[in-house]
Amino acid sequence: MINTISIDLKHSVYVLLMTSLKFIIDGTANIVMHPARFLILQCLRKSEKEMFVEQIAKKVDVHPRMVSHHLTVLEKQGLVECSYSLVTKKGSKRGIAVRLCKTTEKSKEVFNDIREALGT
C-alpha cells in the first residue's frame, strides 16, 4: 500500500512537471529564458503592432545586430514571426527595408506555461 502511494505520488509529480513545463523538452524554455530574448519577447508581447529591429533595440537597450540575431533564434523556435516591408521615414521619398516582427500563439502558450509553473 505504501509503495503504491509512493509510486502514484512520484507519477503525479512527474506528470505535473511535464505538463506545466512541457516547453523544457523541446528546448523552448531554455531559449526564452535568455535575458535578451526574454526582454525582446516581452517588448513584442506588450506592443499592439508589429515592431522593427531598431524599435525593439531602443526599447530593450540591446544593439540592433544582437536583436536581429535573437529574433532569428526566436523565429526558428516558432516564437516570433518576421516579415520584411518598406517603410518611409519622415522627410524621405525613399523606402527603407525593415524586418517587422510579432509574437506567435506559441509564445503566448510558453509565457502562460511559465506563469503557471511559477504559480503567478
PDB file of N, CA and C in Angstrom:
ATOM      1  N   MET A   1       0.821  -1.196   0.000  1.00  0.00           N
ATOM      2  CA  MET A   1       0.000   0.000   0.000  1.00  0.00           C
ATOM      3  C   MET A   1       0.869   1.265   0.000  1.00  0.00           C
ATOM      4  N   ILE A   2       1.884   1.314   0.876  1.00  0.00           N
ATOM      5  CA  ILE A   2       2.763   2.484   0.935  1.00  0.00           C
ATOM      6  C   ILE A   2       3.539   2.627  -0.367  1.00  0.00           C
ATOM      7  N   ASN A   3       4.032   1.521  -0.921  1.00  0.00           N
ATOM      8  CA  ASN A   3       4.753   1.578  -2.189  1.00  0.00           C
ATOM      9  C   ASN A   3       3.862   2.095  -3.310  1.00  0.00           C
ATOM     10  N   THR A   4       2.601   1.690  -3.311  1.00  0.00           N
ATOM     11  CA  THR A   4       1.651   2.146  -4.326  1.00  0.00           C
ATOM     12  C   THR A   4       1.431   3.643  -4.220  1.00  0.00           C
ATOM     13  N   ILE A   5       1.279   4.161  -3.005  1.00  0.00           N
ATOM     14  CA  ILE A   5       1.094   5.594  -2.800  1.00  0.00           C
ATOM     15  C   ILE A   5       2.344   6.339  -3.228  1.00  0.00           C
ATOM     16  N   SER A   6       3.504   5.818  -2.881  1.00  0.00           N
ATOM     17  CA  SER A   6       4.766   6.448  -3.252  1.00  0.00           C
ATOM     18  C   SER A   6       4.918   6.518  -4.766  1.00  0.00           C
ATOM     19  N   ILE A   7       4.590   5.430  -5.458  1.00  0.00           N
ATOM     20  CA  ILE A   7       4.687   5.409  -6.920  1.00  0.00           C
ATOM     21  C   ILE A   7       3.678   6.365  -7.531  1.00  0.00           C
ATOM     22  N   ASP A   8       2.448   6.370  -7.000  1.00  0.00           N
ATOM     23  CA  ASP A   8       1.419   7.274  -7.508  1.00  0.00           C
ATOM     24  C   ASP A   8       1.819   8.733  -7.300  1.00  0.00           C
ATOM     25  N   LEU A   9       2.402   9.046  -6.148  1.00  0.00           N
ATOM     26  CA  LEU A   9       2.834  10.400  -5.862  1.00  0.00           C
ATOM     27  C   LEU A   9       3.947  10.824  -6.818  1.00  0.00           C
ATOM     28  N   LYS A  10       4.935   9.932  -7.005  1.00  0.00           N
ATOM     29  CA  LYS A  10       6.029  10.233  -7.933  1.00  0.00           C
ATOM     30  C   LYS A  10       5.494  10.454  -9.334  1.00  0.00           C
ATOM     31  N   HIS A  11       4.560   9.613  -9.749  1.00  0.00           N
ATOM     32  CA  HIS A  11       3.976   9.751 -11.077  1.00  0.00           C
ATOM     33  C   HIS A  11       3.212  11.072 -11.195  1.00  0.00           C
ATOM     34  N   SER A  12       2.467  11.440 -10.160  1.00  0.00           N
ATOM     35  CA  SER A  12       1.703  12.689 -10.171  1.00  0.00           C
ATOM     36  C   SER A  12       2.624  13.896 -10.267  1.00  0.00           C
ATOM     37  N   VAL A  13       3.711  13.874  -9.514  1.00  0.00           N
ATOM     38  CA  VAL A  13       4.687  14.970  -9.561  1.00  0.00           C
ATOM     39  C   VAL A  13       5.310  15.046 -10.950  1.00  0.00           C
ATOM     40  N   TYR A  14       5.664  13.897 -11.511  1.00  0.00           N
ATOM     41  CA  TYR A  14       6.249  13.850 -12.852  1.00  0.00           C
ATOM     42  C   TYR A  14       5.278  14.427 -13.885  1.00  0.00           C
ATOM     43  N   VAL A  15       4.023  14.003 -13.822  1.00  0.00           N
ATOM     44  CA  VAL A  15       3.018  14.488 -14.778  1.00  0.00           C
ATOM     45  C   VAL A  15       2.826  15.990 -14.616  1.00  0.00           C
ATOM     46  N   LEU A  16       2.780  16.469 -13.388  1.00  0.00           N
ATOM     47  CA  LEU A  16       2.635  17.896 -13.131  1.00  0.00           C
ATOM     48  C   LEU A  16       3.795  18.679 -13.734  1.00  0.00           C
ATOM     49  N   LEU A  17       5.017  18.208 -13.487  1.00  0.00           N
ATOM     50  CA  LEU A  17       6.185  18.889 -14.036  1.00  0.00           C
ATOM     51  C   LEU A  17       6.188  18.889 -15.553  1.00  0.00           C
ATOM     52  N   MET A  18       5.895  17.748 -16.147  1.00  0.00           N
ATOM     53  CA  MET A  18       5.908  17.654 -17.601  1.00  0.00           C
ATOM     54  C   MET A  18       4.779  18.463 -18.226  1.00  0.00           C
ATOM     55  N   THR A  19       3.656  18.545 -17.555  1.00  0.00           N
ATOM     56  CA  THR A  19       2.532  19.312 -18.082  1.00  0.00           C
ATOM     57  C   THR A  19       2.795  20.802 -17.950  1.00  0.00           C
ATOM     58  N   SER A  20       3.259  21.208 -16.775  1.00  0.00           N
ATOM     59  CA  SER A  20       3.453  22.638 -16.547  1.00  0.00           C
ATOM     60  C   SER A  20       4.725  23.175 -17.195  1.00  0.00           C
ATOM     61  N   LEU A  21       5.668  22.314 -17.509  1.00  0.00           N
ATOM     62  CA  LEU A  21       6.911  22.763 -18.135  1.00  0.00           C
ATOM     63  C   LEU A  21       7.190  22.002 -19.426  1.00  0.00           C
ATOM     64  N   LYS A  22       6.148  21.783 -20.208  1.00  0.00           N
ATOM     65  CA  LYS A  22       6.290  20.994 -21.428  1.00  0.00           C
ATOM     66  C   LYS A  22       7.281  21.594 -22.418  1.00  0.00           C
ATOM     67  N   PHE A  23       7.536  22.879 -22.328  1.00  0.00           N
ATOM     68  CA  PHE A  23       8.434  23.520 -23.274  1.00  0.00           C
ATOM     69  C   PHE A  23       9.911  23.323 -22.935  1.00  0.00           C
ATOM     70  N   ILE A  24      10.183  22.691 -21.799  1.00  0.00           N
ATOM     71  CA  ILE A  24      11.565  22.345 -21.483  1.00  0.00           C
ATOM     72  C   ILE A  24      12.048  21.254 -22.425  1.00  0.00           C
ATOM     73  N   ILE A  25      11.169  20.328 -22.722  1.00  0.00           N
ATOM     74  CA  ILE A  25      11.529  19.165 -23.533  1.00  0.00           C
ATOM     75  C   ILE A  25      12.044  19.563 -24.905  1.00  0.00           C
ATOM     76  N   ASP A  26      11.381  20.493 -25.564  1.00  0.00           N
ATOM     77  CA  ASP A  26      11.806  20.850 -26.921  1.00  0.00           C
ATOM     78  C   ASP A  26      12.826  21.991 -26.949  1.00  0.00           C
ATOM     79  N   GLY A  27      13.270  22.444 -25.794  1.00  0.00           N
ATOM     80  CA  GLY A  27      14.307  23.470 -25.733  1.00  0.00           C
ATOM     81  C   GLY A  27      13.788  24.894 -25.753  1.00  0.00           C
ATOM     82  N   THR A  28      12.496  25.062 -25.891  1.00  0.00           N
ATOM     83  CA  THR A  28      11.920  26.404 -25.976  1.00  0.00           C
ATOM     84  C   THR A  28      12.163  27.202 -24.704  1.00  0.00           C
ATOM     85  N   ALA A  29      11.966  26.574 -23.559  1.00  0.00           N
ATOM     86  CA  ALA A  29      12.144  27.294 -22.281  1.00  0.00           C
ATOM     87  C   ALA A  29      13.563  27.836 -22.151  1.00  0.00           C
ATOM     88  N   ASN A  30      14.539  27.047 -22.547  1.00  0.00           N
ATOM     89  CA  ASN A  30      15.933  27.476 -22.481  1.00  0.00           C
ATOM     90  C   ASN A  30      16.167  28.695 -23.373  1.00  0.00           C
ATOM     91  N   ILE A  31      15.564  28.692 -24.537  1.00  0.00           N
ATOM     92  CA  ILE A  31      15.723  29.810 -25.474  1.00  0.00           C
ATOM     93  C   ILE A  31      15.037  31.061 -24.933  1.00  0.00           C
ATOM     94  N   VAL A  32      13.841  30.908 -24.397  1.00  0.00           N
ATOM     95  CA  VAL A  32      13.071  32.043 -23.877  1.00  0.00           C
ATOM     96  C   VAL A  32      13.748  32.662 -22.658  1.00  0.00           C
ATOM     97  N   MET A  33      14.390  31.847 -21.835  1.00  0.00           N
ATOM     98  CA  MET A  33      14.946  32.355 -20.584  1.00  0.00           C
ATOM     99  C   MET A  33      16.269  33.107 -20.757  1.00  0.00           C
ATOM    100  N   HIS A  34      16.795  33.181 -21.974  1.00  0.00           N
ATOM    101  CA  HIS A  34      17.967  34.026 -22.219  1.00  0.00           C
ATOM    102  C   HIS A  34      17.526  35.468 -21.944  1.00  0.00           C
ATOM    103  N   PRO A  35      18.285  36.226 -21.157  1.00  0.00           N
ATOM    104  CA  PRO A  35      17.830  37.568 -20.747  1.00  0.00           C
ATOM    105  C   PRO A  35      17.427  38.497 -21.894  1.00  0.00           C
ATOM    106  N   ALA A  36      18.230  38.577 -22.940  1.00  0.00           N
ATOM    107  CA  ALA A  36      17.901  39.479 -24.057  1.00  0.00           C
ATOM    108  C   ALA A  36      16.665  38.992 -24.798  1.00  0.00           C
ATOM    109  N   ARG A  37      16.572  37.694 -25.017  1.00  0.00           N
ATOM    110  CA  ARG A  37      15.402  37.152 -25.729  1.00  0.00           C
ATOM    111  C   ARG A  37      14.128  37.349 -24.922  1.00  0.00           C
ATOM    112  N   PHE A  38      14.240  37.161 -23.615  1.00  0.00           N
ATOM    113  CA  PHE A  38      13.085  37.368 -22.749  1.00  0.00           C
ATOM    114  C   PHE A  38      12.601  38.817 -22.860  1.00  0.00           C
ATOM    115  N   LEU A  39      13.534  39.773 -22.827  1.00  0.00           N
ATOM    116  CA  LEU A  39      13.176  41.190 -22.957  1.00  0.00           C
ATOM    117  C   LEU A  39      12.543  41.475 -24.315  1.00  0.00           C
ATOM    118  N   ILE A  40      13.108  40.898 -25.364  1.00  0.00           N
ATOM    119  CA  ILE A  40      12.578  41.098 -26.713  1.00  0.00           C
ATOM    120  C   ILE A  40      11.153  40.559 -26.806  1.00  0.00           C
ATOM    121  N   LEU A  41      10.942  39.357 -26.293  1.00  0.00           N
ATOM    122  CA  LEU A  41       9.596  38.778 -26.325  1.00  0.00           C
ATOM    123  C   LEU A  41       8.611  39.608 -25.512  1.00  0.00           C
ATOM    124  N   GLN A  42       9.034  40.067 -24.353  1.00  0.00           N
ATOM    125  CA  GLN A  42       8.170  40.907 -23.512  1.00  0.00           C
ATOM    126  C   GLN A  42       7.808  42.196 -24.256  1.00  0.00           C
ATOM    127  N   CYS A  43       8.786  42.787 -24.902  1.00  0.00           N
ATOM    128  CA  CYS A  43       8.576  44.018 -25.657  1.00  0.00           C
ATOM    129  C   CYS A  43       7.560  43.788 -26.772  1.00  0.00           C
ATOM    130  N   LEU A  44       7.735  42.714 -27.518  1.00  0.00           N
ATOM    131  CA  LEU A  44       6.811  42.404 -28.614  1.00  0.00           C
ATOM    132  C   LEU A  44       5.419  42.058 -28.095  1.00  0.00           C
ATOM    133  N   ARG A  45       5.348  41.366 -26.972  1.00  0.00           N
ATOM    134  CA  ARG A  45       4.045  40.998 -26.406  1.00  0.00           C
ATOM    135  C   ARG A  45       3.266  42.238 -25.963  1.00  0.00           C
ATOM    136  N   LYS A  46       3.973  43.234 -25.443  1.00  0.00           N
ATOM    137  CA  LYS A  46       3.317  44.447 -24.951  1.00  0.00           C
ATOM    138  C   LYS A  46       2.913  45.386 -26.088  1.00  0.00           C
ATOM    139  N   SER A  47       3.557  45.237 -27.227  1.00  0.00           N
ATOM    140  CA  SER A  47       3.272  46.106 -28.368  1.00  0.00           C
ATOM    141  C   SER A  47       1.944  45.725 -29.005  1.00  0.00           C
ATOM    142  N   GLU A  48       1.197  46.718 -29.410  1.00  0.00           N
ATOM    143  CA  GLU A  48      -0.086  46.462 -30.054  1.00  0.00           C
ATOM    144  C   GLU A  48       0.071  46.223 -31.550  1.00  0.00           C
ATOM    145  N   LYS A  49       1.260  46.481 -32.078  1.00  0.00           N
ATOM    146  CA  LYS A  49       1.500  46.291 -33.507  1.00  0.00           C
ATOM    147  C   LYS A  49       2.871  45.685 -33.718  1.00  0.00           C
ATOM    148  N   GLU A  50       3.146  45.308 -34.954  1.00  0.00           N
ATOM    149  CA  GLU A  50       4.460  44.752 -35.279  1.00  0.00           C
ATOM    150  C   GLU A  50       5.532  45.816 -35.031  1.00  0.00           C
ATOM    151  N   MET A  51       6.708  45.366 -34.671  1.00  0.00           N
ATOM    152  CA  MET A  51       7.819  46.284 -34.421  1.00  0.00           C
ATOM    153  C   MET A  51       8.991  45.886 -35.301  1.00  0.00           C
ATOM    154  N   PHE A  52       9.813  46.864 -35.661  1.00  0.00           N
ATOM    155  CA  PHE A  52      11.012  46.514 -36.400  1.00  0.00           C
ATOM    156  C   PHE A  52      12.232  46.566 -35.492  1.00  0.00           C
ATOM    157  N   VAL A  53      13.312  46.011 -35.975  1.00  0.00           N
ATOM    158  CA  VAL A  53      14.508  45.761 -35.155  1.00  0.00           C
ATOM    159  C   VAL A  53      14.970  47.006 -34.409  1.00  0.00           C
ATOM    160  N   GLU A  54      15.059  48.145 -35.082  1.00  0.00           N
ATOM    161  CA  GLU A  54      15.527  49.374 -34.429  1.00  0.00           C
ATOM    162  C   GLU A  54      14.617  49.781 -33.268  1.00  0.00           C
ATOM    163  N   GLN A  55      13.313  49.635 -33.452  1.00  0.00           N
ATOM    164  CA  GLN A  55      12.373  49.974 -32.375  1.00  0.00           C
ATOM    165  C   GLN A  55      12.588  49.071 -31.167  1.00  0.00           C
ATOM    166  N   ILE A  56      12.723  47.781 -31.434  1.00  0.00           N
ATOM    167  CA  ILE A  56      12.935  46.815 -30.352  1.00  0.00           C
ATOM    168  C   ILE A  56      14.245  47.114 -29.635  1.00  0.00           C
ATOM    169  N   ALA A  57      15.300  47.367 -30.416  1.00  0.00           N
ATOM    170  CA  ALA A  57      16.625  47.635 -29.848  1.00  0.00           C
ATOM    171  C   ALA A  57      16.587  48.827 -28.891  1.00  0.00           C
ATOM    172  N   LYS A  58      15.889  49.873 -29.275  1.00  0.00           N
ATOM    173  CA  LYS A  58      15.785  51.053 -28.410  1.00  0.00           C
ATOM    174  C   LYS A  58      15.020  50.740 -27.126  1.00  0.00           C
ATOM    175  N   LYS A  59      13.946  49.983 -27.250  1.00  0.00           N
ATOM    176  CA  LYS A  59      13.119  49.655 -26.075  1.00  0.00           C
ATOM    177  C   LYS A  59      13.843  48.765 -25.072  1.00  0.00           C
ATOM    178  N   VAL A  60      14.608  47.779 -25.571  1.00  0.00           N
ATOM    179  CA  VAL A  60      15.231  46.804 -24.670  1.00  0.00           C
ATOM    180  C   VAL A  60      16.702  47.117 -24.389  1.00  0.00           C
ATOM    181  N   ASP A  61      17.220  48.171 -25.011  1.00  0.00           N
ATOM    182  CA  ASP A  61      18.611  48.604 -24.820  1.00  0.00           C
ATOM    183  C   ASP A  61      19.608  47.489 -25.167  1.00  0.00           C
ATOM    184  N   VAL A  62      19.401  46.887 -26.340  1.00  0.00           N
ATOM    185  CA  VAL A  62      20.296  45.865 -26.880  1.00  0.00           C
ATOM    186  C   VAL A  62      20.651  46.305 -28.294  1.00  0.00           C
ATOM    187  N   HIS A  63      21.907  46.109 -28.701  1.00  0.00           N
ATOM    188  CA  HIS A  63      22.356  46.522 -30.026  1.00  0.00           C
ATOM    189  C   HIS A  63      21.478  45.882 -31.110  1.00  0.00           C
ATOM    190  N   PRO A  64      21.134  46.647 -32.149  1.00  0.00           N
ATOM    191  CA  PRO A  64      20.266  46.114 -33.214  1.00  0.00           C
ATOM    192  C   PRO A  64      20.762  44.815 -33.851  1.00  0.00           C
ATOM    193  N   ARG A  65      22.058  44.653 -34.009  1.00  0.00           N
ATOM    194  CA  ARG A  65      22.572  43.393 -34.581  1.00  0.00           C
ATOM    195  C   ARG A  65      22.273  42.206 -33.670  1.00  0.00           C
ATOM    196  N   MET A  66      22.393  42.435 -32.367  1.00  0.00           N
ATOM    197  CA  MET A  66      22.086  41.364 -31.417  1.00  0.00           C
ATOM    198  C   MET A  66      20.585  41.079 -31.388  1.00  0.00           C
ATOM    199  N   VAL A  67      19.785  42.128 -31.485  1.00  0.00           N
ATOM    200  CA  VAL A  67      18.331  41.943 -31.542  1.00  0.00           C
ATOM    201  C   VAL A  67      17.977  41.103 -32.765  1.00  0.00           C
ATOM    202  N   SER A  68      18.588  41.426 -33.903  1.00  0.00           N
ATOM    203  CA  SER A  68      18.346  40.668 -35.125  1.00  0.00           C
ATOM    204  C   SER A  68      18.727  39.201 -34.953  1.00  0.00           C
ATOM    205  N   HIS A  69      19.873  38.961 -34.338  1.00  0.00           N
ATOM    206  CA  HIS A  69      20.309  37.585 -34.076  1.00  0.00           C
ATOM    207  C   HIS A  69      19.295  36.848 -33.195  1.00  0.00           C
ATOM    208  N   HIS A  70      18.893  37.480 -32.108  1.00  0.00           N
ATOM    209  CA  HIS A  70      17.957  36.842 -31.178  1.00  0.00           C
ATOM    210  C   HIS A  70      16.585  36.617 -31.833  1.00  0.00           C
ATOM    211  N   LEU A  71      16.173  37.535 -32.697  1.00  0.00           N
ATOM    212  CA  LEU A  71      14.915  37.350 -33.417  1.00  0.00           C
ATOM    213  C   LEU A  71      14.983  36.123 -34.332  1.00  0.00           C
ATOM    214  N   THR A  72      16.143  35.911 -34.952  1.00  0.00           N
ATOM    215  CA  THR A  72      16.321  34.733 -35.804  1.00  0.00           C
ATOM    216  C   THR A  72      16.174  33.456 -34.984  1.00  0.00           C
ATOM    217  N   VAL A  73      16.786  33.434 -33.801  1.00  0.00           N
ATOM    218  CA  VAL A  73      16.690  32.271 -32.915  1.00  0.00           C
ATOM    219  C   VAL A  73      15.234  32.058 -32.501  1.00  0.00           C
ATOM    220  N   LEU A  74      14.559  33.130 -32.114  1.00  0.00           N
ATOM    221  CA  LEU A  74      13.159  33.036 -31.687  1.00  0.00           C
ATOM    222  C   LEU A  74      12.247  32.615 -32.842  1.00  0.00           C
ATOM    223  N   GLU A  75      12.568  33.085 -34.032  1.00  0.00           N
ATOM    224  CA  GLU A  75      11.763  32.728 -35.207  1.00  0.00           C
ATOM    225  C   GLU A  75      11.921  31.246 -35.543  1.00  0.00           C
ATOM    226  N   LYS A  76      13.152  30.740 -35.455  1.00  0.00           N
ATOM    227  CA  LYS A  76      13.387  29.306 -35.713  1.00  0.00           C
ATOM    228  C   LYS A  76      12.631  28.433 -34.725  1.00  0.00           C
ATOM    229  N   GLN A  77      12.432  28.930 -33.514  1.00  0.00           N
ATOM    230  CA  GLN A  77      11.723  28.174 -32.476  1.00  0.00           C
ATOM    231  C   GLN A  77      10.210  28.370 -32.584  1.00  0.00           C
ATOM    232  N   GLY A  78       9.775  29.246 -33.491  1.00  0.00           N
ATOM    233  CA  GLY A  78       8.345  29.470 -33.697  1.00  0.00           C
ATOM    234  C   GLY A  78       7.717  30.423 -32.700  1.00  0.00           C
ATOM    235  N   LEU A  79       8.531  31.246 -32.050  1.00  0.00           N
ATOM    236  CA  LEU A  79       8.028  32.162 -31.029  1.00  0.00           C
ATOM    237  C   LEU A  79       7.700  33.546 -31.576  1.00  0.00           C
ATOM    238  N   VAL A  80       8.320  33.905 -32.695  1.00  0.00           N
ATOM    239  CA  VAL A  80       8.007  35.163 -33.373  1.00  0.00           C
ATOM    240  C   VAL A  80       7.864  34.899 -34.865  1.00  0.00           C
ATOM    241  N   GLU A  81       7.126  35.789 -35.504  1.00  0.00           N
ATOM    242  CA  GLU A  81       7.008  35.781 -36.958  1.00  0.00           C
ATOM    243  C   GLU A  81       7.578  37.093 -37.455  1.00  0.00           C
ATOM    244  N   CYS A  82       8.406  37.011 -38.486  1.00  0.00           N
ATOM    245  CA  CYS A  82       9.020  38.211 -39.040  1.00  0.00           C
ATOM    246  C   CYS A  82       8.720  38.285 -40.534  1.00  0.00           C
ATOM    247  N   SER A  83       8.598  39.506 -41.013  1.00  0.00           N
ATOM    248  CA  SER A  83       8.426  39.744 -42.444  1.00  0.00           C
ATOM    249  C   SER A  83       9.181  41.024 -42.788  1.00  0.00           C
ATOM    250  N   TYR A  84       9.435  41.208 -44.046  1.00  0.00           N
ATOM    251  CA  TYR A  84      10.149  42.410 -44.487  1.00  0.00           C
ATOM    252  C   TYR A  84       9.174  43.339 -45.197  1.00  0.00           C
ATOM    253  N   SER A  85       9.364  44.633 -44.984  1.00  0.00           N
ATOM    254  CA  SER A  85       8.476  45.621 -45.565  1.00  0.00           C
ATOM    255  C   SER A  85       9.268  46.902 -45.837  1.00  0.00           C
ATOM    256  N   LEU A  86       8.735  47.741 -46.708  1.00  0.00           N
ATOM    257  CA  LEU A  86       9.334  49.051 -46.961  1.00  0.00           C
ATOM    258  C   LEU A  86       8.614  50.093 -46.129  1.00  0.00           C
ATOM    259  N   VAL A  87       9.390  50.888 -45.415  1.00  0.00           N
ATOM    260  CA  VAL A  87       8.844  51.950 -44.575  1.00  0.00           C
ATOM    261  C   VAL A  87       9.474  53.256 -45.018  1.00  0.00           C
ATOM    262  N   THR A  88       8.666  54.293 -45.093  1.00  0.00           N
ATOM    263  CA  THR A  88       9.168  55.602 -45.475  1.00  0.00           C
ATOM    264  C   THR A  88       9.343  56.448 -44.228  1.00  0.00           C
ATOM    265  N   LYS A  89      10.567  56.966 -44.054  1.00  0.00           N
ATOM    266  CA  LYS A  89      10.828  57.847 -42.914  1.00  0.00           C
ATOM    267  C   LYS A  89      10.308  59.244 -43.230  1.00  0.00           C
ATOM    268  N   LYS A  90       9.993  59.990 -42.195  1.00  0.00           N
ATOM    269  CA  LYS A  90       9.529  61.363 -42.372  1.00  0.00           C
ATOM    270  C   LYS A  90      10.592  62.169 -43.112  1.00  0.00           C
ATOM    271  N   GLY A  91      10.152  62.899 -44.115  1.00  0.00           N
ATOM    272  CA  GLY A  91      11.066  63.751 -44.863  1.00  0.00           C
ATOM    273  C   GLY A  91      11.851  63.027 -45.945  1.00  0.00           C
ATOM    274  N   SER A  92      11.612  61.754 -46.128  1.00  0.00           N
ATOM    275  CA  SER A  92      12.332  60.981 -47.144  1.00  0.00           C
ATOM    276  C   SER A  92      11.343  60.476 -48.190  1.00  0.00           C
ATOM    277  N   LYS A  93      11.814  60.411 -49.421  1.00  0.00           N
ATOM    278  CA  LYS A  93      10.974  59.900 -50.502  1.00  0.00           C
ATOM    279  C   LYS A  93      11.231  58.424 -50.755  1.00  0.00           C
ATOM    280  N   ARG A  94      12.328  57.926 -50.221  1.00  0.00           N
ATOM    281  CA  ARG A  94      12.711  56.534 -50.457  1.00  0.00           C
ATOM    282  C   ARG A  94      12.278  55.648 -49.294  1.00  0.00           C
ATOM    283  N   GLY A  95      11.909  54.433 -49.634  1.00  0.00           N
ATOM    284  CA  GLY A  95      11.546  53.473 -48.603  1.00  0.00           C
ATOM    285  C   GLY A  95      12.770  52.762 -48.045  1.00  0.00           C
ATOM    286  N   ILE A  96      12.667  52.344 -46.836  1.00  0.00           N
ATOM    287  CA  ILE A  96      13.738  51.599 -46.170  1.00  0.00           C
ATOM    288  C   ILE A  96      13.194  50.216 -45.843  1.00  0.00           C
ATOM    289  N   ALA A  97      13.961  49.192 -46.174  1.00  0.00           N
ATOM    290  CA  ALA A  97      13.542  47.824 -45.861  1.00  0.00           C
ATOM    291  C   ALA A  97      13.731  47.576 -44.372  1.00  0.00           C
ATOM    292  N   VAL A  98      12.683  47.107 -43.714  1.00  0.00           N
ATOM    293  CA  VAL A  98      12.743  46.798 -42.287  1.00  0.00           C
ATOM    294  C   VAL A  98      12.191  45.400 -42.045  1.00  0.00           C
ATOM    295  N   ARG A  99      12.649  44.813 -40.988  1.00  0.00           N
ATOM    296  CA  ARG A  99      12.176  43.492 -40.567  1.00  0.00           C
ATOM    297  C   ARG A  99      11.132  43.705 -39.475  1.00  0.00           C
ATOM    298  N   LEU A 100       9.878  43.437 -39.814  1.00  0.00           N
ATOM    299  CA  LEU A 100       8.781  43.603 -38.867  1.00  0.00           C
ATOM    300  C   LEU A 100       8.527  42.289 -38.146  1.00  0.00           C
ATOM    301  N   CYS A 101       8.360  42.354 -36.832  1.00  0.00           N
ATOM    302  CA  CYS A 101       8.204  41.134 -36.034  1.00  0.00           C
ATOM    303  C   CYS A 101       7.031  41.247 -35.080  1.00  0.00           C
ATOM    304  N   LYS A 102       6.439  40.084 -34.797  1.00  0.00           N
ATOM    305  CA  LYS A 102       5.367  39.988 -33.810  1.00  0.00           C
ATOM    306  C   LYS A 102       5.447  38.610 -33.166  1.00  0.00           C
ATOM    307  N   THR A 103       4.838  38.489 -31.996  1.00  0.00           N
ATOM    308  CA  THR A 103       4.843  37.197 -31.303  1.00  0.00           C
ATOM    309  C   THR A 103       3.826  36.258 -31.939  1.00  0.00           C
ATOM    310  N   THR A 104       4.011  34.977 -31.684  1.00  0.00           N
ATOM    311  CA  THR A 104       3.101  33.954 -32.201  1.00  0.00           C
ATOM    312  C   THR A 104       2.246  33.402 -31.063  1.00  0.00           C
ATOM    313  N   GLU A 105       1.331  32.568 -31.425  1.00  0.00           N
ATOM    314  CA  GLU A 105       0.484  31.896 -30.442  1.00  0.00           C
ATOM    315  C   GLU A 105       1.340  31.016 -29.517  1.00  0.00           C
ATOM    316  N   LYS A 106       2.392  30.409 -30.076  1.00  0.00           N
ATOM    317  CA  LYS A 106       3.272  29.549 -29.271  1.00  0.00           C
ATOM    318  C   LYS A 106       3.929  30.348 -28.156  1.00  0.00           C
ATOM    319  N   SER A 107       4.341  31.584 -28.436  1.00  0.00           N
ATOM    320  CA  SER A 107       4.988  32.390 -27.386  1.00  0.00           C
ATOM    321  C   SER A 107       4.004  32.677 -26.256  1.00  0.00           C
ATOM    322  N   LYS A 108       2.735  32.870 -26.601  1.00  0.00           N
ATOM    323  CA  LYS A 108       1.722  33.091 -25.566  1.00  0.00           C
ATOM    324  C   LYS A 108       1.570  31.840 -24.706  1.00  0.00           C
ATOM    325  N   GLU A 109       1.586  30.683 -25.340  1.00  0.00           N
ATOM    326  CA  GLU A 109       1.498  29.419 -24.604  1.00  0.00           C
ATOM    327  C   GLU A 109       2.689  29.253 -23.664  1.00  0.00           C
ATOM    328  N   VAL A 110       3.872  29.598 -24.162  1.00  0.00           N
ATOM    329  CA  VAL A 110       5.086  29.456 -23.345  1.00  0.00           C
ATOM    330  C   VAL A 110       5.007  30.352 -22.116  1.00  0.00           C
ATOM    331  N   PHE A 111       4.599  31.615 -22.288  1.00  0.00           N
ATOM    332  CA  PHE A 111       4.515  32.524 -21.155  1.00  0.00           C
ATOM    333  C   PHE A 111       3.424  32.093 -20.174  1.00  0.00           C
ATOM    334  N   ASN A 112       2.320  31.591 -20.688  1.00  0.00           N
ATOM    335  CA  ASN A 112       1.277  31.059 -19.803  1.00  0.00           C
ATOM    336  C   ASN A 112       1.801  29.861 -19.030  1.00  0.00           C
ATOM    337  N   ASP A 113       2.563  29.008 -19.709  1.00  0.00           N
ATOM    338  CA  ASP A 113       3.156  27.825 -19.086  1.00  0.00           C
ATOM    339  C   ASP A 113       4.120  28.223 -17.965  1.00  0.00           C
ATOM    340  N   ILE A 114       4.954  29.213 -18.233  1.00  0.00           N
ATOM    341  CA  ILE A 114       5.910  29.693 -17.237  1.00  0.00           C
ATOM    342  C   ILE A 114       5.149  30.285 -16.045  1.00  0.00           C
ATOM    343  N   ARG A 115       4.127  31.079 -16.336  1.00  0.00           N
ATOM    344  CA  ARG A 115       3.322  31.706 -15.279  1.00  0.00           C
ATOM    345  C   ARG A 115       2.675  30.645 -14.392  1.00  0.00           C
ATOM    346  N   GLU A 116       2.124  29.606 -15.017  1.00  0.00           N
ATOM    347  CA  GLU A 116       1.501  28.519 -14.253  1.00  0.00           C
ATOM    348  C   GLU A 116       2.529  27.775 -13.419  1.00  0.00           C
ATOM    349  N   ALA A 117       3.699  27.519 -13.994  1.00  0.00           N
ATOM    350  CA  ALA A 117       4.738  26.784 -13.278  1.00  0.00           C
ATOM    351  C   ALA A 117       5.237  27.562 -12.061  1.00  0.00           C
ATOM    352  N   LEU A 118       5.252  28.883 -12.185  1.00  0.00           N
ATOM    353  CA  LEU A 118       5.702  29.720 -11.076  1.00  0.00           C
ATOM    354  C   LEU A 118       4.575  30.012 -10.085  1.00  0.00           C
ATOM    355  N   GLY A 119       3.354  29.661 -10.475  1.00  0.00           N
ATOM    356  CA  GLY A 119       2.214  29.877  -9.585  1.00  0.00           C
ATOM    357  C   GLY A 119       1.790  31.307  -9.480  1.00  0.00           C
ATOM    358  N   THR A 120       2.029  32.093 -10.543  1.00  0.00           N
ATOM    359  CA  THR A 120       1.628  33.504 -10.512  1.00  0.00           C
ATOM    360  C   THR A 120       0.483  33.775 -11.437  1.00  0.00           C
TER     361      THR A 120
END
